[in-house]
Amino acid sequence: MKKIEAIIQPFKLDEVKEALIGIGIDGMTVIEVRGHGRQKGHKEIYRGQEYTVDLLPKVKLELVVPDSRVDEVIQTLAGAARTGKIGDGKIFVSEIAEAIRIRNDDRGEAAL
């Protein structure tokens, strides 16, 4: 099993969710986060004062999927989240040693 963590633009969340549901992935965690990468934020003017917004709003999705579906999920997620502009986000993949469903003690991929 693999854990896929994706940091995406907030306005792309609905499109990404629909794309993932379209391929049968319905279990995910969505977290509102703030941060920056190479984008480094931007400057805004408020009441005549210029200030720097260096932590930009983003959305973090977390999914755990079977090894056999990792490439499909990554391609679908990246395709739905991509605008082609700086700040589109990142996808991270890590190994999951075990998953346990609390309700009935299912383990491994059965818990997904």
N, C-alpha and C. Protein backbone atom coordinates (compact mmCIF):
# COMPACT_ATOMS: atom_id res chain seq x y z
N MET A 1 0.84 -1.18 0.00
CA MET A 1 0.00 0.00 0.00
C MET A 1 0.89 1.24 0.00
N LYS A 2 0.37 2.29 -0.61
CA LYS A 2 1.10 3.55 -0.68
C LYS A 2 0.20 4.68 -0.19
N LYS A 3 0.84 5.64 0.46
CA LYS A 3 0.14 6.86 0.86
C LYS A 3 0.52 7.94 -0.14
N ILE A 4 -0.48 8.56 -0.73
CA ILE A 4 -0.27 9.64 -1.67
C ILE A 4 -0.71 10.93 -1.00
N GLU A 5 0.22 11.87 -0.90
CA GLU A 5 -0.08 13.19 -0.35
C GLU A 5 0.09 14.19 -1.48
N ALA A 6 -0.91 14.99 -1.70
CA ALA A 6 -0.86 15.99 -2.78
C ALA A 6 -1.20 17.36 -2.21
N ILE A 7 -0.36 18.33 -2.55
CA ILE A 7 -0.62 19.73 -2.21
C ILE A 7 -1.08 20.39 -3.50
N ILE A 8 -2.30 20.92 -3.51
CA ILE A 8 -2.87 21.48 -4.74
C ILE A 8 -3.46 22.86 -4.48
N GLN A 9 -3.82 23.53 -5.57
CA GLN A 9 -4.50 24.82 -5.47
C GLN A 9 -5.93 24.59 -4.96
N PRO A 10 -6.41 25.44 -4.05
CA PRO A 10 -7.76 25.24 -3.49
C PRO A 10 -8.86 25.20 -4.55
N PHE A 11 -8.76 26.01 -5.60
CA PHE A 11 -9.83 26.05 -6.60
C PHE A 11 -9.88 24.80 -7.46
N LYS A 12 -8.87 23.93 -7.36
CA LYS A 12 -8.85 22.68 -8.13
C LYS A 12 -9.42 21.50 -7.33
N LEU A 13 -9.78 21.70 -6.08
CA LEU A 13 -10.22 20.61 -5.22
C LEU A 13 -11.41 19.84 -5.79
N ASP A 14 -12.46 20.53 -6.19
CA ASP A 14 -13.65 19.85 -6.71
C ASP A 14 -13.33 19.04 -7.96
N GLU A 15 -12.53 19.61 -8.84
CA GLU A 15 -12.16 18.91 -10.07
C GLU A 15 -11.34 17.64 -9.76
N VAL A 16 -10.43 17.74 -8.80
CA VAL A 16 -9.60 16.59 -8.41
C VAL A 16 -10.48 15.52 -7.76
N LYS A 17 -11.37 15.93 -6.85
CA LYS A 17 -12.26 14.97 -6.19
C LYS A 17 -13.11 14.22 -7.22
N GLU A 18 -13.69 14.95 -8.16
CA GLU A 18 -14.53 14.32 -9.19
C GLU A 18 -13.72 13.34 -10.03
N ALA A 19 -12.50 13.71 -10.38
CA ALA A 19 -11.66 12.83 -11.19
C ALA A 19 -11.32 11.55 -10.42
N LEU A 20 -11.01 11.67 -9.14
CA LEU A 20 -10.68 10.50 -8.33
C LEU A 20 -11.90 9.61 -8.12
N ILE A 21 -13.05 10.22 -7.87
CA ILE A 21 -14.28 9.44 -7.73
C ILE A 21 -14.59 8.73 -9.04
N GLY A 22 -14.28 9.38 -10.16
CA GLY A 22 -14.51 8.79 -11.47
C GLY A 22 -13.72 7.51 -11.72
N ILE A 23 -12.58 7.34 -11.04
CA ILE A 23 -11.81 6.10 -11.20
C ILE A 23 -12.00 5.17 -10.00
N GLY A 24 -12.98 5.48 -9.15
CA GLY A 24 -13.32 4.58 -8.05
C GLY A 24 -12.57 4.82 -6.75
N ILE A 25 -11.93 5.98 -6.62
CA ILE A 25 -11.24 6.33 -5.37
C ILE A 25 -12.16 7.28 -4.61
N ASP A 26 -12.71 6.82 -3.49
CA ASP A 26 -13.63 7.68 -2.75
C ASP A 26 -13.17 7.98 -1.33
N GLY A 27 -12.11 7.33 -0.87
CA GLY A 27 -11.62 7.59 0.48
C GLY A 27 -10.43 8.52 0.43
N MET A 28 -10.59 9.70 1.02
CA MET A 28 -9.49 10.67 1.05
C MET A 28 -9.68 11.61 2.23
N THR A 29 -8.59 12.19 2.66
CA THR A 29 -8.62 13.21 3.69
C THR A 29 -8.22 14.52 3.05
N VAL A 30 -8.96 15.58 3.34
CA VAL A 30 -8.68 16.90 2.77
C VAL A 30 -8.40 17.86 3.91
N ILE A 31 -7.26 18.56 3.82
CA ILE A 31 -6.84 19.48 4.87
C ILE A 31 -6.51 20.82 4.24
N GLU A 32 -7.01 21.91 4.81
CA GLU A 32 -6.63 23.24 4.35
C GLU A 32 -5.30 23.60 5.00
N VAL A 33 -4.32 23.95 4.16
CA VAL A 33 -2.99 24.28 4.67
C VAL A 33 -2.52 25.59 4.04
N ARG A 34 -1.38 26.09 4.52
CA ARG A 34 -0.76 27.28 3.94
C ARG A 34 0.72 27.01 3.77
N GLY A 35 1.29 27.51 2.70
CA GLY A 35 2.71 27.32 2.48
C GLY A 35 3.15 27.92 1.16
N HIS A 36 4.42 27.69 0.83
CA HIS A 36 4.95 28.13 -0.45
C HIS A 36 6.15 27.29 -0.83
N GLY A 37 6.40 27.25 -2.11
CA GLY A 37 7.59 26.59 -2.64
C GLY A 37 8.37 27.64 -3.39
N ARG A 38 8.65 27.35 -4.64
CA ARG A 38 9.36 28.32 -5.48
C ARG A 38 8.53 29.57 -5.73
N GLN A 39 7.23 29.43 -5.57
CA GLN A 39 6.31 30.54 -5.81
C GLN A 39 6.61 31.73 -4.89
N LYS A 40 7.03 31.48 -3.69
CA LYS A 40 7.46 32.48 -2.71
C LYS A 40 6.41 33.53 -2.35
N GLY A 41 5.17 33.33 -2.67
CA GLY A 41 4.13 34.28 -2.29
C GLY A 41 4.02 35.43 -3.28
N HIS A 42 3.35 36.49 -2.84
CA HIS A 42 3.17 37.66 -3.69
C HIS A 42 2.93 38.89 -2.82
N LYS A 43 2.94 40.06 -3.43
CA LYS A 43 2.70 41.31 -2.71
C LYS A 43 1.28 41.79 -3.00
N GLU A 44 0.65 42.36 -1.98
CA GLU A 44 -0.69 42.93 -2.13
C GLU A 44 -0.69 44.32 -1.50
N ILE A 45 -1.66 45.12 -1.91
CA ILE A 45 -1.82 46.45 -1.32
C ILE A 45 -3.15 46.49 -0.59
N TYR A 46 -3.10 46.88 0.67
CA TYR A 46 -4.30 46.99 1.50
C TYR A 46 -4.27 48.34 2.18
N ARG A 47 -5.28 49.16 1.92
CA ARG A 47 -5.38 50.52 2.47
C ARG A 47 -4.10 51.33 2.22
N GLY A 48 -3.60 51.19 1.00
CA GLY A 48 -2.44 51.97 0.60
C GLY A 48 -1.10 51.42 1.06
N GLN A 49 -1.09 50.37 1.86
CA GLN A 49 0.15 49.78 2.35
C GLN A 49 0.43 48.49 1.57
N GLU A 50 1.66 48.34 1.16
CA GLU A 50 2.05 47.11 0.48
C GLU A 50 2.55 46.11 1.52
N TYR A 51 2.09 44.86 1.40
CA TYR A 51 2.58 43.82 2.30
C TYR A 51 2.74 42.52 1.52
N THR A 52 3.58 41.65 2.05
CA THR A 52 3.90 40.39 1.39
C THR A 52 3.05 39.26 1.97
N VAL A 53 2.42 38.52 1.09
CA VAL A 53 1.70 37.31 1.47
C VAL A 53 2.62 36.15 1.10
N ASP A 54 3.34 35.61 2.09
CA ASP A 54 4.33 34.58 1.77
C ASP A 54 3.85 33.16 2.06
N LEU A 55 2.77 33.00 2.78
CA LEU A 55 2.18 31.68 3.00
C LEU A 55 0.83 31.67 2.30
N LEU A 56 0.79 30.96 1.20
CA LEU A 56 -0.40 30.95 0.35
C LEU A 56 -1.33 29.80 0.73
N PRO A 57 -2.64 30.00 0.60
CA PRO A 57 -3.58 28.92 0.90
C PRO A 57 -3.45 27.79 -0.11
N LYS A 58 -3.41 26.58 0.39
CA LYS A 58 -3.33 25.37 -0.44
C LYS A 58 -4.26 24.33 0.18
N VAL A 59 -4.45 23.23 -0.51
CA VAL A 59 -5.22 22.10 0.00
C VAL A 59 -4.33 20.87 -0.07
N LYS A 60 -4.34 20.10 1.02
CA LYS A 60 -3.56 18.86 1.05
C LYS A 60 -4.53 17.69 1.05
N LEU A 61 -4.34 16.78 0.09
CA LEU A 61 -5.13 15.56 0.02
C LEU A 61 -4.25 14.40 0.45
N GLU A 62 -4.81 13.49 1.24
CA GLU A 62 -4.10 12.28 1.63
C GLU A 62 -4.97 11.09 1.25
N LEU A 63 -4.36 10.12 0.55
CA LEU A 63 -5.06 8.91 0.14
C LEU A 63 -4.13 7.73 0.38
N VAL A 64 -4.68 6.61 0.78
CA VAL A 64 -3.92 5.37 0.84
C VAL A 64 -4.55 4.43 -0.17
N VAL A 65 -3.72 3.92 -1.08
CA VAL A 65 -4.22 3.10 -2.18
C VAL A 65 -3.39 1.84 -2.32
N PRO A 66 -3.97 0.79 -2.92
CA PRO A 66 -3.18 -0.43 -3.18
C PRO A 66 -2.05 -0.12 -4.16
N ASP A 67 -0.96 -0.86 -4.06
CA ASP A 67 0.20 -0.66 -4.93
C ASP A 67 -0.19 -0.69 -6.41
N SER A 68 -1.15 -1.54 -6.75
CA SER A 68 -1.54 -1.71 -8.15
C SER A 68 -2.22 -0.47 -8.75
N ARG A 69 -2.69 0.45 -7.91
CA ARG A 69 -3.43 1.62 -8.41
C ARG A 69 -2.65 2.92 -8.31
N VAL A 70 -1.42 2.86 -7.81
CA VAL A 70 -0.67 4.09 -7.54
C VAL A 70 -0.48 4.94 -8.80
N ASP A 71 0.01 4.36 -9.88
CA ASP A 71 0.27 5.14 -11.09
C ASP A 71 -1.01 5.75 -11.66
N GLU A 72 -2.08 4.99 -11.65
CA GLU A 72 -3.37 5.48 -12.15
C GLU A 72 -3.86 6.67 -11.33
N VAL A 73 -3.75 6.56 -10.01
CA VAL A 73 -4.20 7.65 -9.12
C VAL A 73 -3.33 8.89 -9.32
N ILE A 74 -2.02 8.71 -9.41
CA ILE A 74 -1.12 9.86 -9.59
C ILE A 74 -1.41 10.56 -10.91
N GLN A 75 -1.58 9.81 -11.99
CA GLN A 75 -1.87 10.43 -13.30
C GLN A 75 -3.20 11.17 -13.28
N THR A 76 -4.20 10.58 -12.67
CA THR A 76 -5.52 11.22 -12.59
C THR A 76 -5.45 12.48 -11.75
N LEU A 77 -4.82 12.39 -10.60
CA LEU A 77 -4.71 13.53 -9.68
C LEU A 77 -3.93 14.67 -10.34
N ALA A 78 -2.78 14.36 -10.90
CA ALA A 78 -1.95 15.38 -11.53
C ALA A 78 -2.67 16.03 -12.71
N GLY A 79 -3.34 15.23 -13.51
CA GLY A 79 -4.07 15.76 -14.66
C GLY A 79 -5.17 16.71 -14.25
N ALA A 80 -5.89 16.38 -13.19
CA ALA A 80 -7.00 17.23 -12.74
C ALA A 80 -6.50 18.49 -12.03
N ALA A 81 -5.35 18.42 -11.39
CA ALA A 81 -4.84 19.56 -10.61
C ALA A 81 -4.00 20.52 -11.45
N ARG A 82 -3.56 20.10 -12.62
CA ARG A 82 -2.60 20.88 -13.42
C ARG A 82 -3.25 22.08 -14.09
N THR A 83 -2.62 23.25 -13.93
CA THR A 83 -2.99 24.44 -14.69
C THR A 83 -1.86 24.84 -15.63
N GLY A 84 -0.66 24.32 -15.36
CA GLY A 84 0.50 24.68 -16.17
C GLY A 84 1.22 25.91 -15.67
N LYS A 85 0.77 26.45 -14.56
CA LYS A 85 1.38 27.66 -14.00
C LYS A 85 2.09 27.33 -12.70
N ILE A 86 2.98 28.22 -12.29
CA ILE A 86 3.70 28.02 -11.04
C ILE A 86 2.70 27.95 -9.88
N GLY A 87 2.97 27.07 -8.93
CA GLY A 87 2.10 26.93 -7.77
C GLY A 87 1.08 25.81 -7.90
N ASP A 88 1.17 24.99 -8.95
CA ASP A 88 0.22 23.88 -9.12
C ASP A 88 0.31 22.87 -7.98
N GLY A 89 1.49 22.71 -7.38
CA GLY A 89 1.61 21.83 -6.21
C GLY A 89 2.58 20.69 -6.41
N LYS A 90 2.50 19.74 -5.50
CA LYS A 90 3.40 18.58 -5.48
C LYS A 90 2.62 17.34 -5.07
N ILE A 91 3.16 16.18 -5.47
CA ILE A 91 2.62 14.89 -5.04
C ILE A 91 3.76 14.11 -4.41
N PHE A 92 3.50 13.54 -3.23
CA PHE A 92 4.48 12.73 -2.52
C PHE A 92 3.90 11.33 -2.33
N VAL A 93 4.73 10.32 -2.49
CA VAL A 93 4.30 8.93 -2.34
C VAL A 93 5.19 8.26 -1.30
N SER A 94 4.58 7.60 -0.33
CA SER A 94 5.35 6.89 0.69
C SER A 94 4.71 5.53 0.96
N GLU A 95 5.50 4.64 1.52
CA GLU A 95 5.07 3.27 1.82
C GLU A 95 4.25 3.25 3.10
N ILE A 96 3.18 2.46 3.11
CA ILE A 96 2.37 2.24 4.31
C ILE A 96 2.57 0.80 4.75
N ALA A 97 3.02 0.60 5.97
CA ALA A 97 3.30 -0.74 6.47
C ALA A 97 2.02 -1.50 6.80
N GLU A 98 1.01 -0.81 7.35
CA GLU A 98 -0.21 -1.50 7.78
C GLU A 98 -1.36 -0.50 7.82
N ALA A 99 -2.55 -0.99 7.55
CA ALA A 99 -3.79 -0.22 7.69
C ALA A 99 -4.77 -1.09 8.46
N ILE A 100 -5.47 -0.47 9.40
CA ILE A 100 -6.43 -1.20 10.23
C ILE A 100 -7.73 -0.41 10.30
N ARG A 101 -8.83 -1.05 9.95
CA ARG A 101 -10.14 -0.40 10.08
C ARG A 101 -10.57 -0.60 11.53
N ILE A 102 -10.83 0.47 12.22
CA ILE A 102 -11.17 0.42 13.64
C ILE A 102 -12.48 -0.31 13.88
N ARG A 103 -13.47 -0.09 13.01
CA ARG A 103 -14.81 -0.65 13.21
C ARG A 103 -14.81 -2.17 13.35
N ASN A 104 -14.08 -2.87 12.46
CA ASN A 104 -14.17 -4.32 12.48
C ASN A 104 -12.81 -5.03 12.43
N ASP A 105 -11.74 -4.29 12.59
CA ASP A 105 -10.39 -4.83 12.66
C ASP A 105 -9.90 -5.42 11.33
N ASP A 106 -10.50 -4.99 10.19
CA ASP A 106 -9.96 -5.38 8.89
C ASP A 106 -8.53 -4.85 8.80
N ARG A 107 -7.66 -5.61 8.13
CA ARG A 107 -6.26 -5.22 8.03
C ARG A 107 -5.79 -5.23 6.58
N GLY A 108 -4.74 -4.46 6.33
CA GLY A 108 -4.15 -4.40 4.99
C GLY A 108 -5.07 -3.73 4.00
N GLU A 109 -5.02 -4.20 2.75
CA GLU A 109 -5.85 -3.59 1.70
C GLU A 109 -7.34 -3.74 1.97
N ALA A 110 -7.74 -4.73 2.73
CA ALA A 110 -9.16 -4.90 3.09
C ALA A 110 -9.67 -3.73 3.92
N ALA A 111 -8.77 -3.05 4.62
CA ALA A 111 -9.14 -1.90 5.46
C ALA A 111 -9.36 -0.65 4.64
N LEU A 112 -8.90 -0.65 3.40
CA LEU A 112 -9.05 0.54 2.57
C LEU A 112 -10.47 0.65 2.07
